Amino acid sequence: MKKSISISPVYEEIINFLARGTTPQSLIKFQVSETVKERVAELIFREKNDSLSENEKSELDHYLLIEHLLRLAKARAYDFIEQET
């Protein structure tokens, strides 16, 4: 039975990607949707030009942490590909 929980779109996309299974090649190619990219850009713009609510600041911090983890994982995926050749 599928349970419904409320999570942000970026988490949903990454969870679905991981649940489907991955390879180093598919990890390198993975990108979040345009919707998520637009949301992050909006939060960054507003952080620089206005002020973010505490919840929005937390959301942006989560996005940036996820981006950092994905970059590290992609770099490691390149290492695995090189080891295979």
N, C-alpha and C. Protein backbone atom coordinates (compact mmCIF):
# COMPACT_ATOMS: atom_id res chain seq x y z
N MET A 1 0.84 -1.18 0.00
CA MET A 1 0.00 0.00 0.00
C MET A 1 0.89 1.24 0.00
N LYS A 2 0.64 2.16 -0.91
CA LYS A 2 1.41 3.38 -1.04
C LYS A 2 0.90 4.42 -0.05
N LYS A 3 1.80 4.92 0.79
CA LYS A 3 1.44 5.95 1.75
C LYS A 3 1.75 7.31 1.16
N SER A 4 0.93 8.27 1.46
CA SER A 4 1.12 9.62 0.97
C SER A 4 1.73 10.48 2.07
N ILE A 5 2.92 11.00 1.82
CA ILE A 5 3.54 11.93 2.75
C ILE A 5 3.90 13.19 1.98
N SER A 6 3.99 14.27 2.69
CA SER A 6 4.28 15.54 2.05
C SER A 6 5.78 15.79 2.07
N ILE A 7 6.39 15.76 0.89
CA ILE A 7 7.82 16.06 0.77
C ILE A 7 8.01 17.01 -0.39
N SER A 8 9.12 17.71 -0.39
CA SER A 8 9.37 18.69 -1.44
C SER A 8 9.60 17.99 -2.77
N PRO A 9 9.32 18.71 -3.86
CA PRO A 9 9.48 18.10 -5.20
C PRO A 9 10.89 17.56 -5.47
N VAL A 10 11.92 18.25 -5.00
CA VAL A 10 13.28 17.76 -5.26
C VAL A 10 13.53 16.44 -4.56
N TYR A 11 13.05 16.30 -3.33
CA TYR A 11 13.20 15.02 -2.64
C TYR A 11 12.43 13.93 -3.37
N GLU A 12 11.22 14.25 -3.80
CA GLU A 12 10.39 13.29 -4.52
C GLU A 12 11.11 12.80 -5.77
N GLU A 13 11.70 13.72 -6.53
CA GLU A 13 12.40 13.34 -7.76
C GLU A 13 13.61 12.46 -7.47
N ILE A 14 14.37 12.79 -6.46
CA ILE A 14 15.57 12.01 -6.14
C ILE A 14 15.19 10.65 -5.57
N ILE A 15 14.18 10.61 -4.72
CA ILE A 15 13.72 9.34 -4.17
C ILE A 15 13.25 8.42 -5.30
N ASN A 16 12.47 8.95 -6.23
CA ASN A 16 12.00 8.14 -7.35
C ASN A 16 13.16 7.65 -8.21
N PHE A 17 14.14 8.51 -8.46
CA PHE A 17 15.32 8.15 -9.23
C PHE A 17 16.07 7.00 -8.56
N LEU A 18 16.30 7.12 -7.27
CA LEU A 18 17.03 6.08 -6.54
C LEU A 18 16.24 4.79 -6.45
N ALA A 19 14.94 4.90 -6.24
CA ALA A 19 14.10 3.71 -6.09
C ALA A 19 14.05 2.90 -7.38
N ARG A 20 14.17 3.56 -8.53
CA ARG A 20 14.16 2.85 -9.82
C ARG A 20 15.46 2.09 -10.04
N GLY A 21 16.47 2.42 -9.29
CA GLY A 21 17.78 1.81 -9.49
C GLY A 21 18.63 2.73 -10.35
N THR A 22 19.92 2.67 -10.14
CA THR A 22 20.80 3.59 -10.85
C THR A 22 22.10 2.91 -11.22
N THR A 23 22.76 3.51 -12.17
CA THR A 23 24.10 3.12 -12.57
C THR A 23 24.95 4.38 -12.52
N PRO A 24 26.26 4.25 -12.55
CA PRO A 24 27.07 5.46 -12.60
C PRO A 24 26.69 6.36 -13.78
N GLN A 25 26.40 5.76 -14.91
CA GLN A 25 26.04 6.55 -16.10
C GLN A 25 24.72 7.30 -15.90
N SER A 26 23.72 6.62 -15.35
CA SER A 26 22.43 7.29 -15.16
C SER A 26 22.52 8.36 -14.08
N LEU A 27 23.37 8.17 -13.08
CA LEU A 27 23.56 9.18 -12.05
C LEU A 27 24.18 10.44 -12.66
N ILE A 28 25.17 10.26 -13.51
CA ILE A 28 25.81 11.40 -14.15
C ILE A 28 24.82 12.19 -14.99
N LYS A 29 23.92 11.49 -15.66
CA LYS A 29 22.93 12.15 -16.52
C LYS A 29 21.76 12.78 -15.75
N PHE A 30 21.56 12.36 -14.51
CA PHE A 30 20.39 12.81 -13.74
C PHE A 30 20.41 14.31 -13.52
N GLN A 31 19.26 14.92 -13.76
CA GLN A 31 19.05 16.32 -13.43
C GLN A 31 17.65 16.49 -12.88
N VAL A 32 17.51 17.40 -11.94
CA VAL A 32 16.18 17.69 -11.43
C VAL A 32 15.37 18.40 -12.50
N SER A 33 14.07 18.42 -12.32
CA SER A 33 13.16 19.00 -13.31
C SER A 33 13.33 20.52 -13.40
N GLU A 34 12.79 21.07 -14.47
CA GLU A 34 12.79 22.52 -14.64
C GLU A 34 12.02 23.21 -13.52
N THR A 35 10.98 22.56 -13.04
CA THR A 35 10.19 23.12 -11.94
C THR A 35 11.05 23.33 -10.71
N VAL A 36 11.85 22.32 -10.37
CA VAL A 36 12.73 22.43 -9.21
C VAL A 36 13.80 23.48 -9.47
N LYS A 37 14.39 23.48 -10.65
CA LYS A 37 15.42 24.48 -10.98
C LYS A 37 14.86 25.89 -10.85
N GLU A 38 13.63 26.10 -11.33
CA GLU A 38 13.01 27.42 -11.24
C GLU A 38 12.76 27.82 -9.79
N ARG A 39 12.34 26.85 -8.98
CA ARG A 39 12.09 27.14 -7.56
C ARG A 39 13.38 27.53 -6.86
N VAL A 40 14.45 26.82 -7.12
CA VAL A 40 15.74 27.14 -6.50
C VAL A 40 16.21 28.53 -6.97
N ALA A 41 16.09 28.80 -8.25
CA ALA A 41 16.49 30.11 -8.77
C ALA A 41 15.67 31.22 -8.11
N GLU A 42 14.38 30.98 -7.94
CA GLU A 42 13.52 31.97 -7.29
C GLU A 42 13.96 32.22 -5.85
N LEU A 43 14.25 31.16 -5.12
CA LEU A 43 14.69 31.31 -3.73
C LEU A 43 16.02 32.04 -3.65
N ILE A 44 16.95 31.72 -4.54
CA ILE A 44 18.25 32.40 -4.54
C ILE A 44 18.07 33.88 -4.87
N PHE A 45 17.26 34.18 -5.87
CA PHE A 45 16.99 35.58 -6.24
C PHE A 45 16.38 36.33 -5.06
N ARG A 46 15.38 35.73 -4.44
CA ARG A 46 14.71 36.40 -3.32
C ARG A 46 15.62 36.54 -2.13
N GLU A 47 16.52 35.59 -1.93
CA GLU A 47 17.47 35.69 -0.82
C GLU A 47 18.39 36.90 -1.02
N LYS A 48 18.78 37.13 -2.26
CA LYS A 48 19.69 38.24 -2.57
C LYS A 48 18.99 39.59 -2.59
N ASN A 49 17.70 39.60 -2.93
CA ASN A 49 16.99 40.87 -3.15
C ASN A 49 15.93 41.20 -2.10
N ASP A 50 15.43 40.23 -1.42
CA ASP A 50 14.41 40.43 -0.40
C ASP A 50 14.86 39.70 0.84
N SER A 51 13.91 39.23 1.54
CA SER A 51 14.24 38.34 2.64
C SER A 51 13.36 37.10 2.53
N LEU A 52 13.93 36.00 2.91
CA LEU A 52 13.20 34.74 2.89
C LEU A 52 12.63 34.47 4.27
N SER A 53 11.50 33.79 4.28
CA SER A 53 10.97 33.33 5.56
C SER A 53 11.90 32.25 6.10
N GLU A 54 11.72 31.90 7.33
CA GLU A 54 12.54 30.85 7.93
C GLU A 54 12.35 29.52 7.19
N ASN A 55 11.11 29.23 6.82
CA ASN A 55 10.84 28.00 6.07
C ASN A 55 11.48 28.02 4.69
N GLU A 56 11.43 29.15 4.02
CA GLU A 56 12.04 29.25 2.69
C GLU A 56 13.56 29.15 2.78
N LYS A 57 14.15 29.74 3.79
CA LYS A 57 15.60 29.64 4.00
C LYS A 57 15.99 28.18 4.23
N SER A 58 15.20 27.48 5.03
CA SER A 58 15.45 26.06 5.27
C SER A 58 15.32 25.27 3.97
N GLU A 59 14.29 25.57 3.18
CA GLU A 59 14.09 24.90 1.90
C GLU A 59 15.30 25.11 0.99
N LEU A 60 15.78 26.35 0.90
CA LEU A 60 16.95 26.65 0.07
C LEU A 60 18.18 25.91 0.58
N ASP A 61 18.37 25.90 1.88
CA ASP A 61 19.51 25.17 2.45
C ASP A 61 19.47 23.69 2.09
N HIS A 62 18.27 23.11 2.12
CA HIS A 62 18.12 21.69 1.74
C HIS A 62 18.47 21.48 0.27
N TYR A 63 17.97 22.36 -0.60
CA TYR A 63 18.28 22.25 -2.02
C TYR A 63 19.79 22.31 -2.25
N LEU A 64 20.45 23.25 -1.58
CA LEU A 64 21.89 23.41 -1.78
C LEU A 64 22.66 22.20 -1.26
N LEU A 65 22.21 21.62 -0.16
CA LEU A 65 22.86 20.42 0.35
C LEU A 65 22.68 19.26 -0.61
N ILE A 66 21.47 19.11 -1.13
CA ILE A 66 21.20 18.04 -2.10
C ILE A 66 22.06 18.23 -3.35
N GLU A 67 22.17 19.47 -3.82
CA GLU A 67 23.00 19.74 -4.99
C GLU A 67 24.45 19.34 -4.72
N HIS A 68 24.94 19.67 -3.54
CA HIS A 68 26.32 19.32 -3.17
C HIS A 68 26.51 17.80 -3.15
N LEU A 69 25.56 17.09 -2.54
CA LEU A 69 25.65 15.63 -2.49
C LEU A 69 25.61 15.01 -3.89
N LEU A 70 24.74 15.54 -4.75
CA LEU A 70 24.68 15.02 -6.12
C LEU A 70 25.98 15.27 -6.87
N ARG A 71 26.58 16.42 -6.67
CA ARG A 71 27.87 16.69 -7.33
C ARG A 71 28.95 15.72 -6.86
N LEU A 72 28.98 15.46 -5.56
CA LEU A 72 29.96 14.51 -5.03
C LEU A 72 29.70 13.10 -5.58
N ALA A 73 28.43 12.71 -5.62
CA ALA A 73 28.08 11.39 -6.13
C ALA A 73 28.43 11.27 -7.61
N LYS A 74 28.19 12.32 -8.37
CA LYS A 74 28.52 12.29 -9.81
C LYS A 74 30.02 12.20 -10.02
N ALA A 75 30.79 12.91 -9.20
CA ALA A 75 32.25 12.82 -9.30
C ALA A 75 32.71 11.40 -9.01
N ARG A 76 32.12 10.77 -8.00
CA ARG A 76 32.47 9.39 -7.67
C ARG A 76 32.04 8.44 -8.78
N ALA A 77 30.90 8.72 -9.41
CA ALA A 77 30.43 7.88 -10.51
C ALA A 77 31.44 7.89 -11.65
N TYR A 78 32.03 9.06 -11.94
CA TYR A 78 33.08 9.12 -12.97
C TYR A 78 34.25 8.22 -12.59
N ASP A 79 34.62 8.20 -11.31
CA ASP A 79 35.70 7.32 -10.84
C ASP A 79 35.36 5.86 -11.11
N PHE A 80 34.12 5.47 -10.82
CA PHE A 80 33.71 4.08 -11.05
C PHE A 80 33.74 3.72 -12.53
N ILE A 81 33.33 4.65 -13.37
CA ILE A 81 33.36 4.40 -14.81
C ILE A 81 34.80 4.22 -15.29
N GLU A 82 35.71 5.06 -14.79
CA GLU A 82 37.11 4.95 -15.18
C GLU A 82 37.70 3.62 -14.74
N GLN A 83 37.30 3.13 -13.56
CA GLN A 83 37.81 1.85 -13.06
C GLN A 83 37.33 0.67 -13.91
N GLU A 84 36.16 0.83 -14.53
CA GLU A 84 35.60 -0.25 -15.34
C GLU A 84 36.30 -0.37 -16.69
N THR A 85 36.96 0.70 -17.14
CA THR A 85 37.59 0.67 -18.47
C THR A 85 39.03 0.30 -18.39
